[in-house]
Amino acid sequence: MKVKILYFASLKDKVKKSYEYIDIKEGNSIKDLKKLLINKYPEIKDILDKSMIAVNESYVQEDIILNDYDTVAFIPPVGGG
């Protein structure tokens, strides 16, 4: 299965891209996807752990099972005022 990953703010800066396509196994959850991304980009672990997650533009929990061609957005907290 293939999913599209969208990166925003500090995540985008760390991975040096705004999106990418990742192959995952059928039945994988967001939690599984996060493990895969942390293996690929160890420096983003802390940011991923604090990020909101949206699948196909709806906020979700980490236990949701992904489907082929889902779009997953990781939205880190943004500081400022």
PDB file of N, CA and C in Angstrom:
ATOM      1  N   MET A   1       0.840  -1.179   0.000  1.00  0.00           N
ATOM      2  CA  MET A   1       0.000   0.000   0.000  1.00  0.00           C
ATOM      3  C   MET A   1       0.883   1.240   0.000  1.00  0.00           C
ATOM      4  N   LYS A   2       0.354   2.280  -0.543  1.00  0.00           N
ATOM      5  CA  LYS A   2       1.089   3.543  -0.609  1.00  0.00           C
ATOM      6  C   LYS A   2       0.256   4.625   0.064  1.00  0.00           C
ATOM      7  N   VAL A   3       0.914   5.432   0.929  1.00  0.00           N
ATOM      8  CA  VAL A   3       0.266   6.590   1.543  1.00  0.00           C
ATOM      9  C   VAL A   3       1.115   7.824   1.288  1.00  0.00           C
ATOM     10  N   LYS A   4       0.460   8.954   1.251  1.00  0.00           N
ATOM     11  CA  LYS A   4       1.158  10.227   1.076  1.00  0.00           C
ATOM     12  C   LYS A   4       1.308  10.865   2.456  1.00  0.00           C
ATOM     13  N   ILE A   5       2.510  11.270   2.796  1.00  0.00           N
ATOM     14  CA  ILE A   5       2.806  11.909   4.066  1.00  0.00           C
ATOM     15  C   ILE A   5       3.041  13.393   3.819  1.00  0.00           C
ATOM     16  N   LEU A   6       2.327  14.244   4.552  1.00  0.00           N
ATOM     17  CA  LEU A   6       2.532  15.691   4.480  1.00  0.00           C
ATOM     18  C   LEU A   6       3.264  16.147   5.736  1.00  0.00           C
ATOM     19  N   TYR A   7       4.295  16.941   5.550  1.00  0.00           N
ATOM     20  CA  TYR A   7       5.079  17.479   6.661  1.00  0.00           C
ATOM     21  C   TYR A   7       4.881  18.988   6.724  1.00  0.00           C
ATOM     22  N   PHE A   8       4.729  19.506   7.942  1.00  0.00           N
ATOM     23  CA  PHE A   8       4.545  20.939   8.129  1.00  0.00           C
ATOM     24  C   PHE A   8       5.550  21.475   9.142  1.00  0.00           C
ATOM     25  N   ALA A   9       5.810  22.767   9.056  1.00  0.00           N
ATOM     26  CA  ALA A   9       6.608  23.521  10.031  1.00  0.00           C
ATOM     27  C   ALA A   9       7.951  22.851  10.319  1.00  0.00           C
ATOM     28  N   SER A  10       8.236  22.562  11.598  1.00  0.00           N
ATOM     29  CA  SER A  10       9.546  22.031  11.978  1.00  0.00           C
ATOM     30  C   SER A  10       9.809  20.646  11.385  1.00  0.00           C
ATOM     31  N   LEU A  11       8.765  19.852  11.174  1.00  0.00           N
ATOM     32  CA  LEU A  11       8.960  18.541  10.523  1.00  0.00           C
ATOM     33  C   LEU A  11       9.449  18.726   9.089  1.00  0.00           C
ATOM     34  N   LYS A  12       8.832  19.658   8.402  1.00  0.00           N
ATOM     35  CA  LYS A  12       9.235  19.955   7.025  1.00  0.00           C
ATOM     36  C   LYS A  12      10.701  20.391   6.981  1.00  0.00           C
ATOM     37  N   ASP A  13      11.104  21.196   7.954  1.00  0.00           N
ATOM     38  CA  ASP A  13      12.493  21.645   8.020  1.00  0.00           C
ATOM     39  C   ASP A  13      13.460  20.482   8.265  1.00  0.00           C
ATOM     40  N   LYS A  14      13.084  19.561   9.131  1.00  0.00           N
ATOM     41  CA  LYS A  14      13.963  18.426   9.481  1.00  0.00           C
ATOM     42  C   LYS A  14      14.128  17.442   8.329  1.00  0.00           C
ATOM     43  N   VAL A  15      13.016  17.098   7.651  1.00  0.00           N
ATOM     44  CA  VAL A  15      13.105  16.090   6.583  1.00  0.00           C
ATOM     45  C   VAL A  15      13.424  16.711   5.231  1.00  0.00           C
ATOM     46  N   LYS A  16      13.397  18.035   5.182  1.00  0.00           N
ATOM     47  CA  LYS A  16      13.757  18.790   3.975  1.00  0.00           C
ATOM     48  C   LYS A  16      12.844  18.503   2.787  1.00  0.00           C
ATOM     49  N   LYS A  17      11.567  18.276   3.085  1.00  0.00           N
ATOM     50  CA  LYS A  17      10.552  18.109   2.040  1.00  0.00           C
ATOM     51  C   LYS A  17       9.182  18.356   2.653  1.00  0.00           C
ATOM     52  N   SER A  18       8.232  18.713   1.820  1.00  0.00           N
ATOM     53  CA  SER A  18       6.883  18.975   2.325  1.00  0.00           C
ATOM     54  C   SER A  18       5.982  17.744   2.242  1.00  0.00           C
ATOM     55  N   TYR A  19       6.378  16.782   1.419  1.00  0.00           N
ATOM     56  CA  TYR A  19       5.607  15.539   1.335  1.00  0.00           C
ATOM     57  C   TYR A  19       6.467  14.430   0.745  1.00  0.00           C
ATOM     58  N   GLU A  20       5.989  13.211   0.933  1.00  0.00           N
ATOM     59  CA  GLU A  20       6.593  12.052   0.277  1.00  0.00           C
ATOM     60  C   GLU A  20       5.580  10.916   0.290  1.00  0.00           C
ATOM     61  N   TYR A  21       5.797   9.955  -0.586  1.00  0.00           N
ATOM     62  CA  TYR A  21       4.983   8.746  -0.619  1.00  0.00           C
ATOM     63  C   TYR A  21       5.761   7.624   0.057  1.00  0.00           C
ATOM     64  N   ILE A  22       5.072   6.860   0.905  1.00  0.00           N
ATOM     65  CA  ILE A  22       5.705   5.773   1.653  1.00  0.00           C
ATOM     66  C   ILE A  22       4.896   4.497   1.407  1.00  0.00           C
ATOM     67  N   ASP A  23       5.608   3.399   1.213  1.00  0.00           N
ATOM     68  CA  ASP A  23       4.959   2.095   1.116  1.00  0.00           C
ATOM     69  C   ASP A  23       4.832   1.507   2.510  1.00  0.00           C
ATOM     70  N   ILE A  24       3.613   1.061   2.838  1.00  0.00           N
ATOM     71  CA  ILE A  24       3.359   0.424   4.129  1.00  0.00           C
ATOM     72  C   ILE A  24       2.623  -0.887   3.894  1.00  0.00           C
ATOM     73  N   LYS A  25       2.576  -1.710   4.932  1.00  0.00           N
ATOM     74  CA  LYS A  25       1.870  -2.985   4.844  1.00  0.00           C
ATOM     75  C   LYS A  25       0.381  -2.773   5.069  1.00  0.00           C
ATOM     76  N   GLU A  26      -0.424  -3.597   4.414  1.00  0.00           N
ATOM     77  CA  GLU A  26      -1.864  -3.559   4.636  1.00  0.00           C
ATOM     78  C   GLU A  26      -2.152  -3.826   6.107  1.00  0.00           C
ATOM     79  N   GLY A  27      -3.071  -3.065   6.672  1.00  0.00           N
ATOM     80  CA  GLY A  27      -3.418  -3.226   8.081  1.00  0.00           C
ATOM     81  C   GLY A  27      -2.580  -2.385   9.023  1.00  0.00           C
ATOM     82  N   ASN A  28      -1.630  -1.607   8.484  1.00  0.00           N
ATOM     83  CA  ASN A  28      -0.813  -0.743   9.343  1.00  0.00           C
ATOM     84  C   ASN A  28      -1.642   0.430   9.868  1.00  0.00           C
ATOM     85  N   SER A  29      -1.299   0.827  11.080  1.00  0.00           N
ATOM     86  CA  SER A  29      -1.954   1.964  11.728  1.00  0.00           C
ATOM     87  C   SER A  29      -1.034   3.185  11.664  1.00  0.00           C
ATOM     88  N   ILE A  30      -1.534   4.300  12.167  1.00  0.00           N
ATOM     89  CA  ILE A  30      -0.704   5.494  12.291  1.00  0.00           C
ATOM     90  C   ILE A  30       0.497   5.189  13.181  1.00  0.00           C
ATOM     91  N   LYS A  31       0.268   4.442  14.245  1.00  0.00           N
ATOM     92  CA  LYS A  31       1.361   4.086  15.161  1.00  0.00           C
ATOM     93  C   LYS A  31       2.470   3.345  14.409  1.00  0.00           C
ATOM     94  N   ASP A  32       2.099   2.412  13.527  1.00  0.00           N
ATOM     95  CA  ASP A  32       3.080   1.688  12.713  1.00  0.00           C
ATOM     96  C   ASP A  32       3.819   2.637  11.768  1.00  0.00           C
ATOM     97  N   LEU A  33       3.071   3.551  11.181  1.00  0.00           N
ATOM     98  CA  LEU A  33       3.673   4.529  10.269  1.00  0.00           C
ATOM     99  C   LEU A  33       4.673   5.414  11.006  1.00  0.00           C
ATOM    100  N   LYS A  34       4.331   5.851  12.219  1.00  0.00           N
ATOM    101  CA  LYS A  34       5.253   6.670  13.002  1.00  0.00           C
ATOM    102  C   LYS A  34       6.551   5.920  13.280  1.00  0.00           C
ATOM    103  N   LYS A  35       6.466   4.635  13.610  1.00  0.00           N
ATOM    104  CA  LYS A  35       7.677   3.845  13.846  1.00  0.00           C
ATOM    105  C   LYS A  35       8.552   3.813  12.599  1.00  0.00           C
ATOM    106  N   LEU A  36       7.919   3.609  11.455  1.00  0.00           N
ATOM    107  CA  LEU A  36       8.652   3.577  10.189  1.00  0.00           C
ATOM    108  C   LEU A  36       9.345   4.913   9.932  1.00  0.00           C
ATOM    109  N   LEU A  37       8.629   6.015  10.155  1.00  0.00           N
ATOM    110  CA  LEU A  37       9.205   7.340   9.921  1.00  0.00           C
ATOM    111  C   LEU A  37      10.339   7.640  10.896  1.00  0.00           C
ATOM    112  N   ILE A  38      10.208   7.211  12.148  1.00  0.00           N
ATOM    113  CA  ILE A  38      11.272   7.439  13.137  1.00  0.00           C
ATOM    114  C   ILE A  38      12.516   6.628  12.786  1.00  0.00           C
ATOM    115  N   ASN A  39      12.312   5.434  12.235  1.00  0.00           N
ATOM    116  CA  ASN A  39      13.474   4.658  11.764  1.00  0.00           C
ATOM    117  C   ASN A  39      14.176   5.361  10.609  1.00  0.00           C
ATOM    118  N   LYS A  40      13.389   5.973   9.739  1.00  0.00           N
ATOM    119  CA  LYS A  40      13.942   6.664   8.569  1.00  0.00           C
ATOM    120  C   LYS A  40      14.561   8.012   8.949  1.00  0.00           C
ATOM    121  N   TYR A  41      13.903   8.730   9.869  1.00  0.00           N
ATOM    122  CA  TYR A  41      14.340  10.058  10.297  1.00  0.00           C
ATOM    123  C   TYR A  41      14.363  10.113  11.838  1.00  0.00           C
ATOM    124  N   PRO A  42      15.377   9.549  12.480  1.00  0.00           N
ATOM    125  CA  PRO A  42      15.406   9.500  13.954  1.00  0.00           C
ATOM    126  C   PRO A  42      15.291  10.881  14.614  1.00  0.00           C
ATOM    127  N   GLU A  43      15.743  11.911  13.934  1.00  0.00           N
ATOM    128  CA  GLU A  43      15.742  13.260  14.509  1.00  0.00           C
ATOM    129  C   GLU A  43      14.338  13.864  14.663  1.00  0.00           C
ATOM    130  N   ILE A  44      13.304  13.226  14.100  1.00  0.00           N
ATOM    131  CA  ILE A  44      11.954  13.805  14.193  1.00  0.00           C
ATOM    132  C   ILE A  44      11.093  13.168  15.283  1.00  0.00           C
ATOM    133  N   LYS A  45      11.636  12.220  16.036  1.00  0.00           N
ATOM    134  CA  LYS A  45      10.838  11.501  17.029  1.00  0.00           C
ATOM    135  C   LYS A  45      10.103  12.429  17.989  1.00  0.00           C
ATOM    136  N   ASP A  46      10.815  13.354  18.611  1.00  0.00           N
ATOM    137  CA  ASP A  46      10.194  14.246  19.596  1.00  0.00           C
ATOM    138  C   ASP A  46       9.087  15.097  18.965  1.00  0.00           C
ATOM    139  N   ILE A  47       9.314  15.556  17.754  1.00  0.00           N
ATOM    140  CA  ILE A  47       8.309  16.385  17.079  1.00  0.00           C
ATOM    141  C   ILE A  47       7.086  15.538  16.721  1.00  0.00           C
ATOM    142  N   LEU A  48       7.309  14.340  16.192  1.00  0.00           N
ATOM    143  CA  LEU A  48       6.183  13.462  15.841  1.00  0.00           C
ATOM    144  C   LEU A  48       5.321  13.139  17.056  1.00  0.00           C
ATOM    145  N   ASP A  49       5.979  12.898  18.189  1.00  0.00           N
ATOM    146  CA  ASP A  49       5.242  12.548  19.409  1.00  0.00           C
ATOM    147  C   ASP A  49       4.322  13.671  19.873  1.00  0.00           C
ATOM    148  N   LYS A  50       4.617  14.918  19.505  1.00  0.00           N
ATOM    149  CA  LYS A  50       3.807  16.061  19.922  1.00  0.00           C
ATOM    150  C   LYS A  50       2.850  16.544  18.831  1.00  0.00           C
ATOM    151  N   SER A  51       2.916  15.941  17.653  1.00  0.00           N
ATOM    152  CA  SER A  51       2.155  16.426  16.504  1.00  0.00           C
ATOM    153  C   SER A  51       0.713  15.933  16.493  1.00  0.00           C
ATOM    154  N   MET A  52      -0.162  16.772  15.952  1.00  0.00           N
ATOM    155  CA  MET A  52      -1.528  16.354  15.636  1.00  0.00           C
ATOM    156  C   MET A  52      -1.439  15.542  14.340  1.00  0.00           C
ATOM    157  N   ILE A  53      -2.393  14.634  14.164  1.00  0.00           N
ATOM    158  CA  ILE A  53      -2.379  13.768  12.988  1.00  0.00           C
ATOM    159  C   ILE A  53      -3.733  13.855  12.296  1.00  0.00           C
ATOM    160  N   ALA A  54      -3.682  14.067  10.995  1.00  0.00           N
ATOM    161  CA  ALA A  54      -4.907  14.083  10.196  1.00  0.00           C
ATOM    162  C   ALA A  54      -4.763  13.076   9.058  1.00  0.00           C
ATOM    163  N   VAL A  55      -5.841  12.361   8.779  1.00  0.00           N
ATOM    164  CA  VAL A  55      -5.892  11.460   7.629  1.00  0.00           C
ATOM    165  C   VAL A  55      -7.027  11.943   6.744  1.00  0.00           C
ATOM    166  N   ASN A  56      -6.675  12.239   5.510  1.00  0.00           N
ATOM    167  CA  ASN A  56      -7.656  12.747   4.544  1.00  0.00           C
ATOM    168  C   ASN A  56      -8.422  13.938   5.114  1.00  0.00           C
ATOM    169  N   GLU A  57      -7.672  14.843   5.751  1.00  0.00           N
ATOM    170  CA  GLU A  57      -8.158  16.119   6.277  1.00  0.00           C
ATOM    171  C   GLU A  57      -9.071  16.004   7.498  1.00  0.00           C
ATOM    172  N   SER A  58      -9.057  14.861   8.199  1.00  0.00           N
ATOM    173  CA  SER A  58      -9.801  14.693   9.448  1.00  0.00           C
ATOM    174  C   SER A  58      -8.829  14.259  10.535  1.00  0.00           C
ATOM    175  N   TYR A  59      -8.891  14.917  11.687  1.00  0.00           N
ATOM    176  CA  TYR A  59      -8.014  14.540  12.794  1.00  0.00           C
ATOM    177  C   TYR A  59      -8.356  13.145  13.287  1.00  0.00           C
ATOM    178  N   VAL A  60      -7.307  12.371  13.613  1.00  0.00           N
ATOM    179  CA  VAL A  60      -7.480  10.965  14.003  1.00  0.00           C
ATOM    180  C   VAL A  60      -6.583  10.628  15.185  1.00  0.00           C
ATOM    181  N   GLN A  61      -6.837   9.473  15.780  1.00  0.00           N
ATOM    182  CA  GLN A  61      -5.991   8.904  16.825  1.00  0.00           C
ATOM    183  C   GLN A  61      -4.983   7.961  16.161  1.00  0.00           C
ATOM    184  N   GLU A  62      -3.973   7.552  16.922  1.00  0.00           N
ATOM    185  CA  GLU A  62      -2.896   6.733  16.355  1.00  0.00           C
ATOM    186  C   GLU A  62      -3.301   5.302  16.025  1.00  0.00           C
ATOM    187  N   ASP A  63      -4.434   4.836  16.535  1.00  0.00           N
ATOM    188  CA  ASP A  63      -4.819   3.444  16.302  1.00  0.00           C
ATOM    189  C   ASP A  63      -5.608   3.250  15.005  1.00  0.00           C
ATOM    190  N   ILE A  64      -5.890   4.322  14.272  1.00  0.00           N
ATOM    191  CA  ILE A  64      -6.647   4.191  13.029  1.00  0.00           C
ATOM    192  C   ILE A  64      -5.832   3.387  12.011  1.00  0.00           C
ATOM    193  N   ILE A  65      -6.506   2.499  11.297  1.00  0.00           N
ATOM    194  CA  ILE A  65      -5.870   1.691  10.247  1.00  0.00           C
ATOM    195  C   ILE A  65      -5.890   2.485   8.944  1.00  0.00           C
ATOM    196  N   LEU A  66      -4.756   2.519   8.292  1.00  0.00           N
ATOM    197  CA  LEU A  66      -4.621   3.273   7.047  1.00  0.00           C
ATOM    198  C   LEU A  66      -5.071   2.455   5.846  1.00  0.00           C
ATOM    199  N   ASN A  67      -5.510   3.163   4.820  1.00  0.00           N
ATOM    200  CA  ASN A  67      -5.921   2.554   3.563  1.00  0.00           C
ATOM    201  C   ASN A  67      -5.011   3.027   2.441  1.00  0.00           C
ATOM    202  N   ASP A  68      -4.991   2.266   1.367  1.00  0.00           N
ATOM    203  CA  ASP A  68      -4.189   2.608   0.203  1.00  0.00           C
ATOM    204  C   ASP A  68      -4.527   4.028  -0.275  1.00  0.00           C
ATOM    205  N   TYR A  69      -3.511   4.814  -0.508  1.00  0.00           N
ATOM    206  CA  TYR A  69      -3.599   6.185  -1.017  1.00  0.00           C
ATOM    207  C   TYR A  69      -4.213   7.179  -0.037  1.00  0.00           C
ATOM    208  N   ASP A  70      -4.236   6.857   1.255  1.00  0.00           N
ATOM    209  CA  ASP A  70      -4.602   7.860   2.251  1.00  0.00           C
ATOM    210  C   ASP A  70      -3.546   8.958   2.256  1.00  0.00           C
ATOM    211  N   THR A  71      -3.951  10.146   2.665  1.00  0.00           N
ATOM    212  CA  THR A  71      -3.026  11.259   2.868  1.00  0.00           C
ATOM    213  C   THR A  71      -2.955  11.520   4.357  1.00  0.00           C
ATOM    214  N   VAL A  72      -1.742  11.414   4.913  1.00  0.00           N
ATOM    215  CA  VAL A  72      -1.517  11.564   6.351  1.00  0.00           C
ATOM    216  C   VAL A  72      -0.720  12.841   6.570  1.00  0.00           C
ATOM    217  N   ALA A  73      -1.274  13.742   7.392  1.00  0.00           N
ATOM    218  CA  ALA A  73      -0.592  14.996   7.717  1.00  0.00           C
ATOM    219  C   ALA A  73      -0.135  14.970   9.167  1.00  0.00           C
ATOM    220  N   PHE A  74       1.121  15.286   9.385  1.00  0.00           N
ATOM    221  CA  PHE A  74       1.672  15.435  10.732  1.00  0.00           C
ATOM    222  C   PHE A  74       1.846  16.934  10.971  1.00  0.00           C
ATOM    223  N   ILE A  75       1.125  17.459  11.955  1.00  0.00           N
ATOM    224  CA  ILE A  75       1.077  18.895  12.196  1.00  0.00           C
ATOM    225  C   ILE A  75       1.656  19.182  13.580  1.00  0.00           C
ATOM    226  N   PRO A  76       2.906  19.625  13.625  1.00  0.00           N
ATOM    227  CA  PRO A  76       3.540  19.886  14.919  1.00  0.00           C
ATOM    228  C   PRO A  76       2.958  21.139  15.582  1.00  0.00           C
ATOM    229  N   PRO A  77       3.117  21.228  16.898  1.00  0.00           N
ATOM    230  CA  PRO A  77       2.680  22.454  17.574  1.00  0.00           C
ATOM    231  C   PRO A  77       3.499  23.647  17.080  1.00  0.00           C
ATOM    232  N   VAL A  78       2.855  24.786  17.002  1.00  0.00           N
ATOM    233  CA  VAL A  78       3.517  25.987  16.518  1.00  0.00           C
ATOM    234  C   VAL A  78       3.543  27.012  17.644  1.00  0.00           C
ATOM    235  N   GLY A  79       4.710  27.539  17.919  1.00  0.00           N
ATOM    236  CA  GLY A  79       4.835  28.556  18.953  1.00  0.00           C
ATOM    237  C   GLY A  79       4.599  29.944  18.389  1.00  0.00           C
ATOM    238  N   GLY A  80       4.516  30.885  19.243  1.00  0.00           N
ATOM    239  CA  GLY A  80       4.363  32.260  18.794  1.00  0.00           C
ATOM    240  C   GLY A  80       3.222  32.944  19.513  1.00  0.00           C
ATOM    241  N   GLY A  81       2.943  34.133  19.143  1.00  0.00           N
ATOM    242  CA  GLY A  81       1.897  34.831  19.858  1.00  0.00           C
ATOM    243  C   GLY A  81       1.468  36.031  19.199  1.00  0.00           C
TER     244      GLY A  81
END
